[in-house]
């Protein structure tokens, strides 16, 4: 197991697997709801952000990626999931998500700060376990 974590050839796999997990886990709470339910209840957004942050913690604990790569993987994967929701809702009604740049900026800020903190915590825990 330790050789797999140290193997630099697995970096692409870590990006792909971690990014796909975050994409699916953070996107499913959004994709299963319609826009009216999504806009009236922020629970689905909390779940989506929570799964994104959980994915960044998992990347920090189990991969040998660089700090910025872990955060970037979480941010890009969550933004792709948001864009899928954006397309889904826009096809339903053209007036949905008329302020999407602000939503995107909000998610980038929350995900960036949260992922940064959790990646630092996960990296610290990982280093303590390796000692």
C-alpha atoms as a PDB file:
ATOM      1  CA  UNK A   1       0.000   0.000   0.000  1.00  0.00           C
ATOM      2  CA  UNK A   2       2.788   2.446   0.841  1.00  0.00           C
ATOM      3  CA  UNK A   3       4.493   1.783  -2.507  1.00  0.00           C
ATOM      4  CA  UNK A   4       1.262   2.706  -4.283  1.00  0.00           C
ATOM      5  CA  UNK A   5       1.095   5.989  -2.385  1.00  0.00           C
ATOM      6  CA  UNK A   6       4.700   6.853  -3.243  1.00  0.00           C
ATOM      7  CA  UNK A   7       4.511   5.762  -6.885  1.00  0.00           C
ATOM      8  CA  UNK A   8       4.610   8.871  -9.094  1.00  0.00           C
ATOM      9  CA  UNK A   9       3.058   6.924 -11.987  1.00  0.00           C
ATOM     10  CA  UNK A  10      -0.207   6.804 -10.040  1.00  0.00           C
ATOM     11  CA  UNK A  11      -0.561  10.615 -10.011  1.00  0.00           C
ATOM     12  CA  UNK A  12      -2.797  10.585 -13.085  1.00  0.00           C
ATOM     13  CA  UNK A  13      -4.934   7.873 -11.552  1.00  0.00           C
ATOM     14  CA  UNK A  14      -5.219   9.900  -8.348  1.00  0.00           C
ATOM     15  CA  UNK A  15      -6.382  12.932 -10.308  1.00  0.00           C
ATOM     16  CA  UNK A  16      -8.881  10.895 -12.268  1.00  0.00           C
ATOM     17  CA  UNK A  17     -10.289   8.815  -9.422  1.00  0.00           C
ATOM     18  CA  UNK A  18     -10.370  11.683  -6.920  1.00  0.00           C
ATOM     19  CA  UNK A  19     -11.844  14.107  -9.415  1.00  0.00           C
ATOM     20  CA  UNK A  20     -14.494  11.652 -10.570  1.00  0.00           C
ATOM     21  CA  UNK A  21     -15.469  10.849  -6.967  1.00  0.00           C
ATOM     22  CA  UNK A  22     -15.838  14.542  -6.125  1.00  0.00           C
ATOM     23  CA  UNK A  23     -17.716  15.179  -9.380  1.00  0.00           C
ATOM     24  CA  UNK A  24     -20.253  12.421  -8.705  1.00  0.00           C
ATOM     25  CA  UNK A  25     -20.585  12.879  -4.954  1.00  0.00           C
ATOM     26  CA  UNK A  26     -20.994  16.644  -5.122  1.00  0.00           C
ATOM     27  CA  UNK A  27     -23.162  16.597  -8.234  1.00  0.00           C
ATOM     28  CA  UNK A  28     -25.757  13.991  -7.286  1.00  0.00           C
ATOM     29  CA  UNK A  29     -27.441  16.132  -4.576  1.00  0.00           C
ATOM     30  CA  UNK A  30     -27.923  18.852  -7.201  1.00  0.00           C
ATOM     31  CA  UNK A  31     -28.887  16.663 -10.142  1.00  0.00           C
ATOM     32  CA  UNK A  32     -31.702  14.796  -8.391  1.00  0.00           C
ATOM     33  CA  UNK A  33     -33.631  18.000  -7.652  1.00  0.00           C
ATOM     34  CA  UNK A  34     -35.424  20.427  -9.906  1.00  0.00           C
ATOM     35  CA  UNK A  35     -34.629  24.134  -9.854  1.00  0.00           C
ATOM     36  CA  UNK A  36     -37.592  25.134  -7.677  1.00  0.00           C
ATOM     37  CA  UNK A  37     -36.598  22.704  -4.923  1.00  0.00           C
ATOM     38  CA  UNK A  38     -32.927  23.627  -5.304  1.00  0.00           C
ATOM     39  CA  UNK A  39     -33.585  27.359  -5.043  1.00  0.00           C
ATOM     40  CA  UNK A  40     -35.946  27.092  -2.058  1.00  0.00           C
ATOM     41  CA  UNK A  41     -33.856  24.688   0.013  1.00  0.00           C
ATOM     42  CA  UNK A  42     -30.127  25.096   0.537  1.00  0.00           C
ATOM     43  CA  UNK A  43     -29.778  21.585   2.006  1.00  0.00           C
ATOM     44  CA  UNK A  44     -28.789  20.184  -1.395  1.00  0.00           C
ATOM     45  CA  UNK A  45     -26.091  22.830  -1.750  1.00  0.00           C
ATOM     46  CA  UNK A  46     -24.758  22.029   1.739  1.00  0.00           C
ATOM     47  CA  UNK A  47     -24.550  18.336   0.831  1.00  0.00           C
ATOM     48  CA  UNK A  48     -22.803  19.149  -2.428  1.00  0.00           C
ATOM     49  CA  UNK A  49     -20.233  21.400  -0.752  1.00  0.00           C
ATOM     50  CA  UNK A  50     -19.794  18.854   2.044  1.00  0.00           C
ATOM     51  CA  UNK A  51     -19.038  16.040  -0.401  1.00  0.00           C
ATOM     52  CA  UNK A  52     -16.561  18.280  -2.226  1.00  0.00           C
ATOM     53  CA  UNK A  53     -14.769  19.034   1.042  1.00  0.00           C
ATOM     54  CA  UNK A  54     -14.838  15.369   2.047  1.00  0.00           C
ATOM     55  CA  UNK A  55     -13.251  14.498  -1.282  1.00  0.00           C
ATOM     56  CA  UNK A  56     -10.465  17.016  -0.746  1.00  0.00           C
ATOM     57  CA  UNK A  57      -9.787  15.526   2.699  1.00  0.00           C
ATOM     58  CA  UNK A  58      -9.639  12.037   1.179  1.00  0.00           C
ATOM     59  CA  UNK A  59      -7.210  13.305  -1.476  1.00  0.00           C
ATOM     60  CA  UNK A  60      -5.036  14.796   1.283  1.00  0.00           C
ATOM     61  CA  UNK A  61      -5.012  11.605   3.328  1.00  0.00           C
ATOM     62  CA  UNK A  62      -4.453   9.030   0.607  1.00  0.00           C
ATOM     63  CA  UNK A  63      -2.588  10.655  -2.290  1.00  0.00           C
ATOM     64  CA  UNK A  64       0.864  12.049  -2.783  1.00  0.00           C
ATOM     65  CA  UNK A  65      -0.324  14.985  -4.876  1.00  0.00           C
ATOM     66  CA  UNK A  66       0.943  18.490  -4.236  1.00  0.00           C
ATOM     67  CA  UNK A  67      -1.076  20.876  -2.060  1.00  0.00           C
ATOM     68  CA  UNK A  68      -2.344  22.969  -4.957  1.00  0.00           C
ATOM     69  CA  UNK A  69      -3.158  19.872  -7.031  1.00  0.00           C
ATOM     70  CA  UNK A  70      -5.429  18.518  -4.309  1.00  0.00           C
ATOM     71  CA  UNK A  71      -7.310  21.797  -3.999  1.00  0.00           C
ATOM     72  CA  UNK A  72      -7.439  22.252  -7.762  1.00  0.00           C
ATOM     73  CA  UNK A  73      -8.864  18.787  -8.291  1.00  0.00           C
ATOM     74  CA  UNK A  74     -11.645  19.483  -5.799  1.00  0.00           C
ATOM     75  CA  UNK A  75     -12.443  22.910  -7.259  1.00  0.00           C
ATOM     76  CA  UNK A  76     -12.483  21.814 -10.895  1.00  0.00           C
ATOM     77  CA  UNK A  77     -14.564  18.710 -10.177  1.00  0.00           C
ATOM     78  CA  UNK A  78     -17.128  20.669  -8.177  1.00  0.00           C
ATOM     79  CA  UNK A  79     -17.351  23.384 -10.841  1.00  0.00           C
ATOM     80  CA  UNK A  80     -17.960  20.768 -13.546  1.00  0.00           C
ATOM     81  CA  UNK A  81     -20.765  19.311 -11.410  1.00  0.00           C
ATOM     82  CA  UNK A  82     -22.190  22.834 -11.030  1.00  0.00           C
ATOM     83  CA  UNK A  83     -22.052  23.394 -14.794  1.00  0.00           C
ATOM     84  CA  UNK A  84     -23.971  20.155 -15.371  1.00  0.00           C
ATOM     85  CA  UNK A  85     -26.641  21.447 -12.964  1.00  0.00           C
ATOM     86  CA  UNK A  86     -26.573  24.817 -14.722  1.00  0.00           C
ATOM     87  CA  UNK A  87     -27.170  23.211 -18.124  1.00  0.00           C
ATOM     88  CA  UNK A  88     -29.894  20.958 -16.710  1.00  0.00           C
ATOM     89  CA  UNK A  89     -31.765  23.888 -15.151  1.00  0.00           C
ATOM     90  CA  UNK A  90     -31.262  26.205 -18.117  1.00  0.00           C
ATOM     91  CA  UNK A  91     -32.755  23.615 -20.454  1.00  0.00           C
ATOM     92  CA  UNK A  92     -35.757  23.487 -18.121  1.00  0.00           C
ATOM     93  CA  UNK A  93     -36.242  27.276 -18.115  1.00  0.00           C
ATOM     94  CA  UNK A  94     -34.041  29.937 -19.664  1.00  0.00           C
ATOM     95  CA  UNK A  95     -34.408  32.287 -16.667  1.00  0.00           C
ATOM     96  CA  UNK A  96     -32.945  29.829 -14.149  1.00  0.00           C
ATOM     97  CA  UNK A  97     -29.494  30.688 -12.797  1.00  0.00           C
ATOM     98  CA  UNK A  98     -29.525  34.213 -14.210  1.00  0.00           C
ATOM     99  CA  UNK A  99     -26.894  35.112 -11.577  1.00  0.00           C
ATOM    100  CA  UNK A 100     -24.704  32.076 -12.160  1.00  0.00           C
ATOM    101  CA  UNK A 101     -21.374  33.993 -12.155  1.00  0.00           C
ATOM    102  CA  UNK A 102     -22.067  34.986  -8.553  1.00  0.00           C
ATOM    103  CA  UNK A 103     -23.047  31.435  -7.648  1.00  0.00           C
ATOM    104  CA  UNK A 104     -19.843  30.188  -9.229  1.00  0.00           C
ATOM    105  CA  UNK A 105     -17.754  32.759  -7.343  1.00  0.00           C
ATOM    106  CA  UNK A 106     -19.493  31.774  -4.084  1.00  0.00           C
ATOM    107  CA  UNK A 107     -18.787  28.076  -4.630  1.00  0.00           C
ATOM    108  CA  UNK A 108     -15.178  28.751  -5.636  1.00  0.00           C
ATOM    109  CA  UNK A 109     -14.609  30.796  -2.483  1.00  0.00           C
ATOM    110  CA  UNK A 110     -16.283  28.331  -0.094  1.00  0.00           C
ATOM    111  CA  UNK A 111     -14.668  25.302  -1.757  1.00  0.00           C
ATOM    112  CA  UNK A 112     -11.246  26.966  -1.962  1.00  0.00           C
ATOM    113  CA  UNK A 113     -11.123  28.009   1.689  1.00  0.00           C
ATOM    114  CA  UNK A 114     -12.687  24.783   2.970  1.00  0.00           C
ATOM    115  CA  UNK A 115     -10.547  22.546   0.787  1.00  0.00           C
ATOM    116  CA  UNK A 116      -7.412  24.463   1.756  1.00  0.00           C
ATOM    117  CA  UNK A 117      -8.081  23.970   5.457  1.00  0.00           C
ATOM    118  CA  UNK A 118      -8.999  20.295   5.094  1.00  0.00           C
ATOM    119  CA  UNK A 119      -6.023  19.553   2.854  1.00  0.00           C
ATOM    120  CA  UNK A 120      -3.714  21.111   5.461  1.00  0.00           C
ATOM    121  CA  UNK A 121      -5.345  19.028   8.210  1.00  0.00           C
ATOM    122  CA  UNK A 122      -5.227  15.860   6.094  1.00  0.00           C
ATOM    123  CA  UNK A 123      -1.591  16.429   5.168  1.00  0.00           C
ATOM    124  CA  UNK A 124      -0.700  16.984   8.827  1.00  0.00           C
ATOM    125  CA  UNK A 125      -2.481  13.765   9.842  1.00  0.00           C
ATOM    126  CA  UNK A 126      -0.797  11.859   7.024  1.00  0.00           C
ATOM    127  CA  UNK A 127       2.648  13.063   8.087  1.00  0.00           C
ATOM    128  CA  UNK A 128       1.956  12.135  11.712  1.00  0.00           C
ATOM    129  CA  UNK A 129       0.882   8.624  10.698  1.00  0.00           C
ATOM    130  CA  UNK A 130       4.021   8.126   8.573  1.00  0.00           C
ATOM    131  CA  UNK A 131       6.371   8.941  11.476  1.00  0.00           C
END
